[in-house]
């Protein structure tokens, strides 16, 4: 699954300012600066903010974070096991129950603007 707007969902926690980008300046106001209210793509704080938000949301669905990899989670319910791996804004789901897979995908879609890209033939350039 691919999160469409992962870096644009969050408000920034501290004041971040920058010079006006080329083509954005107004005549007579060339010395003005821009202050961010929300995260933008490429902002270092954006990745951290997105990861913290995702972590909070996914833990709310009873996933447990892996102690050795902060972007890997698992959920065990009886004999059903689900693994979730987050890589930037891509989510890999591995499960032994098709119904649970559908339930998690549906739930994630209510939490974030997402696109289901189906089965993954490759992950990080490695053929599965």
N, C-alpha and C. Protein backbone atom coordinates (compact mmCIF):
# COMPACT_ATOMS: atom_id res chain seq x y z
N UNK A 1 0.85 -1.17 0.00
CA UNK A 1 0.00 0.00 0.00
C UNK A 1 0.89 1.23 0.00
N UNK A 2 0.42 2.25 -0.66
CA UNK A 2 1.18 3.49 -0.80
C UNK A 2 0.38 4.62 -0.17
N UNK A 3 1.00 5.34 0.77
CA UNK A 3 0.34 6.48 1.40
C UNK A 3 0.54 7.68 0.49
N UNK A 4 -0.56 8.28 0.04
CA UNK A 4 -0.48 9.36 -0.95
C UNK A 4 0.13 10.65 -0.42
N UNK A 5 -0.23 11.04 0.77
CA UNK A 5 0.18 12.35 1.27
C UNK A 5 0.83 12.26 2.65
N UNK A 6 1.71 11.29 2.83
CA UNK A 6 2.29 11.05 4.15
C UNK A 6 3.01 12.27 4.73
N UNK A 7 3.71 13.02 3.90
CA UNK A 7 4.49 14.13 4.43
C UNK A 7 3.71 15.43 4.53
N UNK A 8 2.48 15.44 4.07
CA UNK A 8 1.68 16.66 4.10
C UNK A 8 0.59 16.60 5.15
N UNK A 9 0.55 15.55 5.95
CA UNK A 9 -0.53 15.37 6.92
C UNK A 9 -0.28 16.09 8.23
N UNK A 10 0.94 16.43 8.54
CA UNK A 10 1.28 16.85 9.89
C UNK A 10 1.61 18.33 10.01
N UNK A 11 1.24 18.86 11.17
CA UNK A 11 1.66 20.20 11.53
C UNK A 11 3.09 20.11 12.06
N UNK A 12 3.88 21.15 11.85
CA UNK A 12 5.25 21.15 12.36
C UNK A 12 5.22 21.52 13.84
N UNK A 13 6.16 20.96 14.60
CA UNK A 13 6.17 21.16 16.04
C UNK A 13 6.97 22.39 16.47
N UNK A 14 7.88 22.85 15.62
CA UNK A 14 8.67 24.03 15.97
C UNK A 14 8.57 25.03 14.83
N UNK A 15 9.03 26.25 15.10
CA UNK A 15 8.97 27.28 14.06
C UNK A 15 10.04 27.00 13.00
N UNK A 16 9.62 26.93 11.76
CA UNK A 16 10.53 26.72 10.64
C UNK A 16 10.27 27.82 9.63
N UNK A 17 11.34 28.53 9.26
CA UNK A 17 11.20 29.62 8.30
C UNK A 17 12.19 29.42 7.16
N UNK A 18 11.89 30.04 6.02
CA UNK A 18 12.80 29.98 4.87
C UNK A 18 12.60 31.22 4.02
N UNK A 19 13.60 31.50 3.19
CA UNK A 19 13.45 32.58 2.23
C UNK A 19 12.37 32.20 1.23
N UNK A 20 11.76 33.20 0.63
CA UNK A 20 10.74 32.92 -0.38
C UNK A 20 11.40 32.23 -1.58
N UNK A 21 10.78 31.19 -2.09
CA UNK A 21 11.34 30.52 -3.26
C UNK A 21 11.27 31.41 -4.50
N UNK A 22 12.18 31.16 -5.43
CA UNK A 22 12.20 31.92 -6.68
C UNK A 22 10.85 31.78 -7.38
N UNK A 23 10.32 32.89 -7.85
CA UNK A 23 9.03 32.89 -8.53
C UNK A 23 7.86 33.08 -7.59
N UNK A 24 8.11 33.08 -6.29
CA UNK A 24 7.05 33.22 -5.30
C UNK A 24 7.02 34.63 -4.71
N UNK A 25 8.10 35.38 -4.89
CA UNK A 25 8.22 36.70 -4.27
C UNK A 25 7.24 37.70 -4.87
N UNK A 26 6.84 38.64 -4.03
CA UNK A 26 5.94 39.71 -4.45
C UNK A 26 6.74 41.00 -4.54
N UNK A 27 6.45 41.80 -5.54
CA UNK A 27 7.15 43.07 -5.73
C UNK A 27 6.94 43.94 -4.50
N UNK A 28 8.05 44.45 -3.99
CA UNK A 28 8.01 45.28 -2.79
C UNK A 28 8.09 44.47 -1.50
N UNK A 29 8.00 43.16 -1.59
CA UNK A 29 8.06 42.30 -0.40
C UNK A 29 9.12 41.21 -0.57
N UNK A 30 10.18 41.55 -1.28
CA UNK A 30 11.23 40.57 -1.57
C UNK A 30 11.95 40.08 -0.31
N UNK A 31 11.94 40.87 0.75
CA UNK A 31 12.64 40.50 1.98
C UNK A 31 11.79 39.66 2.93
N UNK A 32 10.53 39.45 2.60
CA UNK A 32 9.67 38.62 3.45
C UNK A 32 10.17 37.18 3.49
N UNK A 33 9.83 36.49 4.55
CA UNK A 33 10.19 35.07 4.67
C UNK A 33 8.91 34.24 4.80
N UNK A 34 9.05 32.95 4.59
CA UNK A 34 7.90 32.04 4.71
C UNK A 34 8.02 31.28 6.03
N UNK A 35 6.91 31.11 6.69
CA UNK A 35 6.84 30.33 7.92
C UNK A 35 5.94 29.12 7.67
N UNK A 36 6.44 27.94 7.98
CA UNK A 36 5.67 26.71 7.74
C UNK A 36 4.62 26.50 8.82
N UNK A 37 3.43 26.15 8.40
CA UNK A 37 2.40 25.72 9.34
C UNK A 37 2.25 24.21 9.31
N UNK A 38 2.49 23.63 8.12
CA UNK A 38 2.42 22.18 7.95
C UNK A 38 3.70 21.70 7.29
N UNK A 39 3.93 20.42 7.41
CA UNK A 39 5.12 19.81 6.83
C UNK A 39 5.04 19.82 5.30
N UNK A 40 6.20 19.88 4.67
CA UNK A 40 6.27 19.77 3.22
C UNK A 40 7.27 18.68 2.85
N UNK A 41 7.12 18.15 1.65
CA UNK A 41 8.02 17.10 1.19
C UNK A 41 9.45 17.62 1.15
N UNK A 42 10.38 16.83 1.64
CA UNK A 42 11.78 17.20 1.65
C UNK A 42 12.23 17.83 2.95
N UNK A 43 11.31 18.19 3.81
CA UNK A 43 11.65 18.77 5.10
C UNK A 43 12.08 17.64 6.03
N UNK A 44 13.25 17.78 6.67
CA UNK A 44 13.76 16.72 7.53
C UNK A 44 12.76 16.33 8.61
N UNK A 45 12.11 17.31 9.18
CA UNK A 45 11.16 17.04 10.25
C UNK A 45 9.93 16.29 9.73
N UNK A 46 9.68 16.36 8.43
CA UNK A 46 8.51 15.70 7.85
C UNK A 46 8.55 14.20 8.01
N UNK A 47 9.71 13.60 7.78
CA UNK A 47 9.85 12.15 7.91
C UNK A 47 9.62 11.70 9.35
N UNK A 48 10.21 12.42 10.27
CA UNK A 48 10.04 12.06 11.69
C UNK A 48 8.60 12.23 12.12
N UNK A 49 8.00 13.33 11.75
CA UNK A 49 6.61 13.60 12.12
C UNK A 49 5.68 12.54 11.54
N UNK A 50 5.87 12.18 10.27
CA UNK A 50 5.05 11.14 9.63
C UNK A 50 5.22 9.81 10.36
N UNK A 51 6.47 9.45 10.69
CA UNK A 51 6.71 8.19 11.36
C UNK A 51 6.07 8.15 12.74
N UNK A 52 6.15 9.25 13.48
CA UNK A 52 5.53 9.30 14.81
C UNK A 52 4.01 9.18 14.71
N UNK A 53 3.41 9.85 13.75
CA UNK A 53 1.96 9.75 13.56
C UNK A 53 1.55 8.34 13.16
N UNK A 54 2.28 7.75 12.22
CA UNK A 54 1.96 6.40 11.77
C UNK A 54 2.07 5.42 12.94
N UNK A 55 3.12 5.56 13.73
CA UNK A 55 3.33 4.68 14.88
C UNK A 55 2.15 4.76 15.85
N UNK A 56 1.70 5.95 16.13
CA UNK A 56 0.57 6.13 17.05
C UNK A 56 -0.70 5.48 16.49
N UNK A 57 -0.95 5.68 15.21
CA UNK A 57 -2.16 5.13 14.58
C UNK A 57 -2.10 3.61 14.55
N UNK A 58 -0.99 3.04 14.12
CA UNK A 58 -0.91 1.59 13.95
C UNK A 58 -0.92 0.87 15.29
N UNK A 59 -0.36 1.48 16.31
CA UNK A 59 -0.44 0.88 17.65
C UNK A 59 -1.88 0.90 18.17
N UNK A 60 -2.65 1.87 17.73
CA UNK A 60 -4.06 1.93 18.10
C UNK A 60 -4.87 0.79 17.52
N UNK A 61 -4.32 0.07 16.55
CA UNK A 61 -4.97 -1.09 15.95
C UNK A 61 -4.33 -2.38 16.48
N UNK A 62 -3.68 -2.27 17.62
CA UNK A 62 -3.08 -3.40 18.35
C UNK A 62 -1.86 -4.02 17.67
N UNK A 63 -1.19 -3.28 16.81
CA UNK A 63 0.09 -3.76 16.29
C UNK A 63 1.16 -3.45 17.32
N UNK A 64 2.15 -4.31 17.41
CA UNK A 64 3.25 -4.15 18.35
C UNK A 64 4.52 -3.86 17.56
N UNK A 65 5.25 -2.81 17.98
CA UNK A 65 6.49 -2.43 17.29
C UNK A 65 7.59 -3.44 17.60
N UNK A 66 8.35 -3.80 16.60
CA UNK A 66 9.49 -4.69 16.76
C UNK A 66 10.58 -3.97 17.54
N UNK A 67 11.17 -4.64 18.52
CA UNK A 67 12.20 -4.02 19.36
C UNK A 67 13.46 -3.68 18.57
N UNK A 68 13.75 -4.45 17.53
CA UNK A 68 14.99 -4.27 16.78
C UNK A 68 14.85 -3.42 15.53
N UNK A 69 13.64 -3.24 15.05
CA UNK A 69 13.40 -2.45 13.85
C UNK A 69 12.18 -1.58 14.07
N UNK A 70 12.35 -0.27 14.24
CA UNK A 70 11.22 0.61 14.56
C UNK A 70 10.20 0.77 13.44
N UNK A 71 10.46 0.21 12.27
CA UNK A 71 9.50 0.31 11.17
C UNK A 71 8.84 -1.03 10.87
N UNK A 72 9.00 -2.00 11.77
CA UNK A 72 8.37 -3.31 11.62
C UNK A 72 7.43 -3.54 12.79
N UNK A 73 6.25 -4.05 12.48
CA UNK A 73 5.21 -4.28 13.49
C UNK A 73 4.62 -5.67 13.29
N UNK A 74 4.02 -6.21 14.35
CA UNK A 74 3.28 -7.46 14.20
C UNK A 74 2.01 -7.40 15.04
N UNK A 75 1.07 -8.24 14.65
CA UNK A 75 -0.20 -8.36 15.36
C UNK A 75 -0.58 -9.83 15.36
N UNK A 76 -0.84 -10.37 16.55
CA UNK A 76 -1.22 -11.77 16.68
C UNK A 76 -2.60 -11.82 17.31
N UNK A 77 -3.49 -12.54 16.67
CA UNK A 77 -4.86 -12.71 17.17
C UNK A 77 -5.22 -14.19 17.00
N UNK A 78 -5.07 -14.95 18.08
CA UNK A 78 -5.29 -16.40 17.98
C UNK A 78 -4.25 -17.02 17.08
N UNK A 79 -4.69 -17.69 16.03
CA UNK A 79 -3.75 -18.31 15.10
C UNK A 79 -3.43 -17.40 13.91
N UNK A 80 -4.01 -16.21 13.91
CA UNK A 80 -3.79 -15.26 12.83
C UNK A 80 -2.62 -14.34 13.17
N UNK A 81 -1.69 -14.22 12.24
CA UNK A 81 -0.51 -13.38 12.44
C UNK A 81 -0.41 -12.39 11.29
N UNK A 82 -0.13 -11.14 11.63
CA UNK A 82 0.06 -10.11 10.61
C UNK A 82 1.38 -9.39 10.88
N UNK A 83 2.13 -9.15 9.82
CA UNK A 83 3.35 -8.36 9.89
C UNK A 83 3.17 -7.14 9.00
N UNK A 84 3.63 -6.02 9.48
CA UNK A 84 3.55 -4.78 8.73
C UNK A 84 4.93 -4.15 8.72
N UNK A 85 5.41 -3.77 7.55
CA UNK A 85 6.70 -3.10 7.42
C UNK A 85 6.46 -1.77 6.73
N UNK A 86 6.98 -0.71 7.33
CA UNK A 86 6.85 0.64 6.77
C UNK A 86 8.20 1.06 6.21
N UNK A 87 8.22 1.46 4.94
CA UNK A 87 9.43 2.01 4.32
C UNK A 87 9.04 3.34 3.69
N UNK A 88 9.42 4.42 4.31
CA UNK A 88 9.07 5.79 3.92
C UNK A 88 7.55 5.92 3.89
N UNK A 89 6.93 5.83 2.72
CA UNK A 89 5.47 5.93 2.66
C UNK A 89 4.85 4.69 2.01
N UNK A 90 5.61 3.61 1.98
CA UNK A 90 5.12 2.33 1.44
C UNK A 90 4.88 1.38 2.61
N UNK A 91 3.78 0.65 2.56
CA UNK A 91 3.45 -0.30 3.61
C UNK A 91 3.37 -1.69 3.01
N UNK A 92 4.13 -2.60 3.57
CA UNK A 92 4.10 -4.00 3.16
C UNK A 92 3.36 -4.78 4.24
N UNK A 93 2.30 -5.48 3.86
CA UNK A 93 1.54 -6.32 4.79
C UNK A 93 1.75 -7.78 4.44
N UNK A 94 2.06 -8.57 5.47
CA UNK A 94 2.24 -10.01 5.30
C UNK A 94 1.35 -10.68 6.34
N UNK A 95 0.46 -11.55 5.89
CA UNK A 95 -0.48 -12.19 6.80
C UNK A 95 -0.79 -13.60 6.38
N UNK A 96 -1.33 -14.37 7.34
CA UNK A 96 -1.74 -15.73 7.03
C UNK A 96 -3.26 -15.86 6.96
N UNK A 97 -3.96 -14.73 6.88
CA UNK A 97 -5.42 -14.73 6.84
C UNK A 97 -5.90 -13.63 5.89
N UNK A 98 -6.55 -14.01 4.81
CA UNK A 98 -6.98 -13.05 3.79
C UNK A 98 -8.00 -12.06 4.34
N UNK A 99 -8.92 -12.52 5.20
CA UNK A 99 -9.93 -11.62 5.78
C UNK A 99 -9.27 -10.54 6.62
N UNK A 100 -8.30 -10.94 7.45
CA UNK A 100 -7.61 -9.96 8.29
C UNK A 100 -6.85 -8.96 7.42
N UNK A 101 -6.26 -9.43 6.34
CA UNK A 101 -5.56 -8.55 5.41
C UNK A 101 -6.51 -7.48 4.88
N UNK A 102 -7.69 -7.90 4.44
CA UNK A 102 -8.69 -6.95 3.95
C UNK A 102 -9.15 -5.98 5.02
N UNK A 103 -9.33 -6.48 6.25
CA UNK A 103 -9.75 -5.63 7.36
C UNK A 103 -8.70 -4.56 7.66
N UNK A 104 -7.44 -4.95 7.68
CA UNK A 104 -6.37 -3.99 7.97
C UNK A 104 -6.24 -2.97 6.85
N UNK A 105 -6.32 -3.41 5.61
CA UNK A 105 -6.26 -2.47 4.48
C UNK A 105 -7.41 -1.47 4.54
N UNK A 106 -8.60 -1.96 4.83
CA UNK A 106 -9.77 -1.08 4.92
C UNK A 106 -9.60 -0.09 6.06
N UNK A 107 -9.10 -0.56 7.20
CA UNK A 107 -8.91 0.32 8.35
C UNK A 107 -7.83 1.37 8.05
N UNK A 108 -6.71 0.94 7.47
CA UNK A 108 -5.65 1.89 7.13
C UNK A 108 -6.16 2.97 6.17
N UNK A 109 -7.03 2.58 5.26
CA UNK A 109 -7.58 3.54 4.29
C UNK A 109 -8.49 4.57 4.95
N UNK A 110 -9.02 4.26 6.12
CA UNK A 110 -9.82 5.25 6.85
C UNK A 110 -8.93 6.21 7.62
N UNK A 111 -7.69 5.81 7.87
CA UNK A 111 -6.75 6.63 8.65
C UNK A 111 -5.90 7.54 7.77
N UNK A 112 -5.58 7.07 6.57
CA UNK A 112 -4.69 7.80 5.66
C UNK A 112 -5.24 7.72 4.24
N UNK A 113 -4.88 8.71 3.43
CA UNK A 113 -5.21 8.64 2.00
C UNK A 113 -4.22 7.67 1.37
N UNK A 114 -4.72 6.52 0.92
CA UNK A 114 -3.84 5.45 0.46
C UNK A 114 -4.29 4.87 -0.87
N UNK A 115 -3.35 4.18 -1.50
CA UNK A 115 -3.65 3.45 -2.73
C UNK A 115 -3.14 2.03 -2.55
N UNK A 116 -4.01 1.06 -2.78
CA UNK A 116 -3.61 -0.34 -2.70
C UNK A 116 -2.95 -0.71 -4.02
N UNK A 117 -1.67 -1.02 -3.98
CA UNK A 117 -0.95 -1.34 -5.20
C UNK A 117 -0.84 -2.85 -5.43
N UNK A 118 -1.61 -3.62 -4.64
CA UNK A 118 -1.69 -5.06 -4.85
C UNK A 118 -0.47 -5.81 -4.33
N UNK A 119 -0.32 -7.03 -4.83
CA UNK A 119 0.82 -7.84 -4.42
C UNK A 119 2.12 -7.22 -4.91
N UNK A 120 3.12 -7.29 -4.07
CA UNK A 120 4.42 -6.69 -4.40
C UNK A 120 5.35 -7.74 -4.99
N UNK A 121 5.69 -7.63 -6.28
CA UNK A 121 6.64 -8.59 -6.86
C UNK A 121 8.08 -8.32 -6.39
N UNK A 122 8.36 -7.06 -6.04
CA UNK A 122 9.68 -6.65 -5.58
C UNK A 122 9.54 -5.78 -4.34
N UNK A 123 10.49 -5.91 -3.43
CA UNK A 123 10.59 -5.03 -2.27
C UNK A 123 12.03 -4.55 -2.21
N UNK A 124 12.23 -3.24 -2.29
CA UNK A 124 13.56 -2.64 -2.26
C UNK A 124 14.50 -3.29 -3.28
N UNK A 125 13.95 -3.59 -4.45
CA UNK A 125 14.74 -4.16 -5.53
C UNK A 125 14.98 -5.65 -5.43
N UNK A 126 14.38 -6.30 -4.43
CA UNK A 126 14.55 -7.74 -4.25
C UNK A 126 13.28 -8.44 -4.69
N UNK A 127 13.41 -9.41 -5.59
CA UNK A 127 12.25 -10.15 -6.06
C UNK A 127 11.75 -11.07 -4.95
N UNK A 128 10.45 -11.04 -4.72
CA UNK A 128 9.86 -11.87 -3.66
C UNK A 128 9.49 -13.22 -4.24
